[in-house]
Amino acid sequence: MINKPYSTACDNNRQPILSIIEDLFTHCKAILEIGSGTGQHAVYFAEKLPHLLWYTSDRQHCHAGMEMWLNEAGLPNTPPPLVLDVSQSQWPRLDVDAVFSANAVHIMGWEAVKAMMAGVGELLPEQGLLVLYGPFNYNNAYTSDSNAGFDNWLKERDPESGIRNFEDIEQLANAANMILQQDYDMPANNRILCWIKKSDNQQEIKR
């Protein structure tokens, strides 16, 4: 029997994240969450933001635990989780206004990060949003000693993982026709980065 999974980090960061995304997603109708993990974020955000249809997704092995959270909550705006490996050639066909992902890009290998950013660029409509939460480096430098220690732990566990440089992610976003809208400072040396999918005639956005 599978035990219901639990992430302390999800409980700790959910309210700070909500304080940002409740404004960002005010006019959105449907969200795809990439790397939903336990499903805790989905349940919390979908309950707090009932105007949103919140699609969860992850690789197949995460689904049993995620379904425990979704089924227990029984919310009307959380469909069954989608199987999504960001490296797969065909993503689920969805009509969404935004993509959200928390603490995923430092777990993925770099090739998967590149595939995710390209896939998001293909999925989003014009003016669609990509919102990433987690730790990031700037100019190849850690923003805190704790992030440096966390990065070392990640790489010892999996050499393909690690805290990503903002500039590298930004380059991938730009290549996928997305431009940075805002970079938010978050507790515990984390950030929320928000990009917007450009219109054909859009050159830049005022911050």
Protein backbone atom coordinates (compact mmCIF):
# COMPACT_ATOMS: atom_id res chain seq x y z
CA MET A 1 0.00 0.00 0.00
CA ILE A 2 1.31 3.44 -0.93
CA ASN A 3 1.56 5.98 1.86
CA LYS A 4 0.24 9.43 1.13
CA PRO A 5 3.31 11.54 0.27
CA TYR A 6 4.06 14.76 2.11
CA SER A 7 6.44 17.64 1.45
CA THR A 8 7.27 20.05 4.26
CA ALA A 9 8.62 22.53 1.70
CA CYS A 10 5.21 22.69 -0.01
CA ASP A 11 3.52 23.64 3.24
CA ASN A 12 6.19 26.21 4.03
CA ASN A 13 6.17 28.00 0.67
CA ARG A 14 2.55 27.72 -0.41
CA GLN A 15 1.31 30.96 1.17
CA PRO A 16 4.21 33.13 -0.10
CA ILE A 17 3.69 31.68 -3.58
CA LEU A 18 -0.06 32.25 -3.39
CA SER A 19 0.51 35.91 -2.50
CA ILE A 20 2.16 36.37 -5.91
CA ILE A 21 0.20 34.06 -8.20
CA GLU A 22 -3.22 35.19 -7.00
CA ASP A 23 -2.50 38.48 -8.77
CA LEU A 24 -0.65 37.00 -11.74
CA PHE A 25 -3.47 34.53 -12.44
CA THR A 26 -6.39 36.89 -11.79
CA HIS A 27 -7.54 36.85 -15.43
CA CYS A 28 -6.51 33.27 -16.20
CA LYS A 29 -8.94 30.40 -16.60
CA ALA A 30 -6.71 27.33 -16.81
CA ILE A 31 -3.22 26.49 -15.52
CA LEU A 32 -0.86 23.61 -16.27
CA GLU A 33 1.41 22.74 -13.36
CA ILE A 34 4.58 20.93 -14.45
CA GLY A 35 6.16 18.63 -11.88
CA SER A 36 3.22 18.55 -9.48
CA GLY A 37 4.96 16.00 -7.25
CA THR A 38 2.82 15.20 -4.22
CA GLY A 39 -0.06 17.34 -5.47
CA GLN A 40 -0.06 19.51 -2.33
CA HIS A 41 0.42 22.77 -4.20
CA ALA A 42 -2.35 21.91 -6.64
CA VAL A 43 -4.85 21.19 -3.88
CA TYR A 44 -3.99 24.36 -1.97
CA PHE A 45 -3.90 26.72 -4.95
CA ALA A 46 -6.99 25.25 -6.61
CA GLU A 47 -8.96 25.69 -3.40
CA LYS A 48 -7.77 29.27 -2.90
CA LEU A 49 -8.24 30.18 -6.59
CA PRO A 50 -11.53 28.46 -7.50
CA HIS A 51 -11.85 30.39 -10.79
CA LEU A 52 -8.92 28.36 -12.15
CA LEU A 53 -8.95 24.94 -13.76
CA TRP A 54 -5.71 23.53 -12.33
CA TYR A 55 -4.14 20.74 -14.40
CA THR A 56 -1.55 18.69 -12.55
CA SER A 57 1.15 16.78 -14.39
CA ASP A 58 4.21 14.67 -13.67
CA ARG A 59 5.85 11.43 -14.68
CA GLN A 60 3.81 8.30 -14.11
CA HIS A 61 5.53 7.18 -10.91
CA CYS A 62 4.29 10.30 -9.08
CA HIS A 63 0.63 9.81 -9.92
CA ALA A 64 -0.46 7.36 -7.22
CA GLY A 65 0.57 9.68 -4.40
CA MET A 66 -0.71 12.77 -6.18
CA GLU A 67 -4.10 11.16 -6.71
CA MET A 68 -4.39 10.59 -2.97
CA TRP A 69 -4.19 14.34 -2.37
CA LEU A 70 -6.51 15.20 -5.27
CA ASN A 71 -9.09 12.57 -4.41
CA GLU A 72 -9.12 13.45 -0.72
CA ALA A 73 -9.66 17.14 -1.50
CA GLY A 74 -12.36 16.37 -4.05
CA LEU A 75 -12.15 19.79 -5.66
CA PRO A 76 -14.19 20.44 -8.83
CA ASN A 77 -11.33 22.34 -10.55
CA THR A 78 -8.58 19.69 -10.37
CA PRO A 79 -8.92 17.12 -13.18
CA PRO A 80 -7.05 13.81 -12.93
CA PRO A 81 -3.28 14.25 -13.29
CA LEU A 82 -1.68 14.18 -16.72
CA VAL A 83 1.31 12.05 -17.61
CA LEU A 84 4.00 14.47 -18.74
CA ASP A 85 7.71 13.93 -19.17
CA VAL A 86 8.89 17.30 -20.49
CA SER A 87 11.26 15.52 -22.88
CA GLN A 88 8.47 13.67 -24.68
CA SER A 89 7.82 14.85 -28.22
CA GLN A 90 4.05 15.23 -27.82
CA TRP A 91 2.67 17.08 -24.82
CA PRO A 92 -1.00 16.83 -23.78
CA ARG A 93 -3.14 19.14 -25.89
CA LEU A 94 -4.47 21.76 -23.48
CA ASP A 95 -6.07 25.18 -23.65
CA VAL A 96 -4.30 27.01 -20.81
CA ASP A 97 -3.46 30.62 -20.02
CA ALA A 98 -0.39 29.91 -17.91
CA VAL A 99 2.15 27.30 -16.87
CA PHE A 100 3.36 27.02 -13.27
CA SER A 101 6.24 24.98 -11.89
CA ALA A 102 7.79 24.98 -8.43
CA ASN A 103 11.15 23.53 -7.43
CA ALA A 104 11.49 21.51 -10.61
CA VAL A 105 14.17 23.03 -12.84
CA HIS A 106 16.94 22.34 -10.32
CA ILE A 107 15.82 18.70 -10.10
CA MET A 108 15.68 18.12 -13.87
CA GLY A 109 18.76 17.60 -15.99
CA TRP A 110 19.69 20.52 -18.21
CA GLU A 111 18.46 18.80 -21.38
CA ALA A 112 15.07 18.37 -19.71
CA VAL A 113 15.05 22.05 -18.71
CA LYS A 114 15.67 23.00 -22.33
CA ALA A 115 12.88 20.69 -23.48
CA MET A 116 10.51 22.12 -20.88
CA MET A 117 11.11 25.72 -21.89
CA ALA A 118 10.66 24.90 -25.57
CA GLY A 119 7.50 22.91 -24.83
CA VAL A 120 6.02 25.73 -22.77
CA GLY A 121 6.74 28.17 -25.58
CA GLU A 122 4.80 25.93 -27.96
CA LEU A 123 1.89 25.38 -25.56
CA LEU A 124 1.23 28.93 -24.39
CA PRO A 125 -0.97 31.31 -26.36
CA GLU A 126 0.04 34.91 -26.95
CA GLN A 127 0.17 36.76 -23.62
CA GLY A 128 0.27 33.44 -21.76
CA LEU A 129 2.41 33.30 -18.62
CA LEU A 130 5.19 31.02 -17.44
CA VAL A 131 5.78 31.19 -13.68
CA LEU A 132 8.74 29.39 -12.10
CA TYR A 133 9.42 29.19 -8.36
CA GLY A 134 12.67 28.12 -6.76
CA PRO A 135 16.30 29.08 -6.15
CA PHE A 136 18.30 30.64 -8.97
CA ASN A 137 21.85 31.88 -9.41
CA TYR A 138 22.68 35.23 -10.98
CA ASN A 139 25.81 35.75 -13.07
CA ASN A 140 26.94 32.24 -12.04
CA ALA A 141 26.94 33.26 -8.37
CA TYR A 142 24.93 31.88 -5.47
CA THR A 143 22.61 34.30 -3.71
CA SER A 144 23.27 32.73 -0.29
CA ASP A 145 25.50 30.23 1.49
CA SER A 146 22.47 28.00 2.04
CA ASN A 147 21.83 27.86 -1.70
CA ALA A 148 25.47 26.90 -2.27
CA GLY A 149 25.11 24.05 0.21
CA PHE A 150 21.82 22.98 -1.35
CA ASP A 151 23.42 22.95 -4.82
CA ASN A 152 26.25 20.74 -3.58
CA TRP A 153 23.70 18.35 -2.08
CA LEU A 154 21.74 18.24 -5.33
CA LYS A 155 24.82 17.45 -7.41
CA GLU A 156 26.01 14.76 -5.02
CA ARG A 157 22.62 13.11 -5.35
CA ASP A 158 22.41 13.61 -9.13
CA PRO A 159 25.21 15.30 -11.10
CA GLU A 160 22.69 16.35 -13.78
CA SER A 161 20.71 18.47 -11.31
CA GLY A 162 21.61 21.78 -9.69
CA ILE A 163 20.54 25.38 -9.17
CA ARG A 164 20.22 27.05 -12.57
CA ASN A 165 21.57 30.38 -13.66
CA PHE A 166 18.87 32.95 -14.31
CA GLU A 167 20.66 34.16 -17.44
CA ASP A 168 20.62 30.64 -18.95
CA ILE A 169 16.91 30.21 -18.25
CA GLU A 170 16.23 33.68 -19.64
CA GLN A 171 18.02 32.76 -22.86
CA LEU A 172 15.82 29.67 -23.23
CA ALA A 173 12.71 31.72 -22.54
CA ASN A 174 13.65 34.31 -25.13
CA ALA A 175 14.29 31.56 -27.69
CA ALA A 176 10.75 30.28 -26.95
CA ASN A 177 9.33 33.77 -27.67
CA MET A 178 8.83 34.69 -24.03
CA ILE A 179 10.03 37.85 -22.30
CA LEU A 180 10.53 38.46 -18.61
CA GLN A 181 7.68 40.28 -16.95
CA GLN A 182 8.83 40.23 -13.32
CA ASP A 183 11.42 38.73 -10.97
CA TYR A 184 10.08 38.47 -7.41
CA ASP A 185 12.18 38.08 -4.27
CA MET A 186 10.77 35.26 -2.11
CA PRO A 187 11.51 33.91 1.37
CA ALA A 188 14.32 31.41 2.02
CA ASN A 189 16.47 32.69 -0.88
CA ASN A 190 13.96 31.70 -3.56
CA ARG A 191 12.52 33.63 -6.50
CA ILE A 192 9.42 33.69 -8.64
CA LEU A 193 10.20 34.39 -12.28
CA CYS A 194 7.35 35.33 -14.60
CA TRP A 195 7.61 35.43 -18.39
CA ILE A 196 4.93 36.39 -20.90
CA LYS A 197 4.53 34.91 -24.37
CA LYS A 198 5.03 37.65 -26.90
CA SER A 199 2.51 38.72 -29.51
CA ASP A 200 3.84 38.90 -33.06
CA ASN A 201 4.12 42.67 -32.84
CA GLN A 202 5.33 42.86 -29.23
CA GLN A 203 8.92 43.94 -28.69
CA GLU A 204 9.12 44.57 -24.98
CA ILE A 205 6.95 44.95 -21.93
CA LYS A 206 7.12 47.67 -19.33
CA ARG A 207 7.83 46.39 -15.85
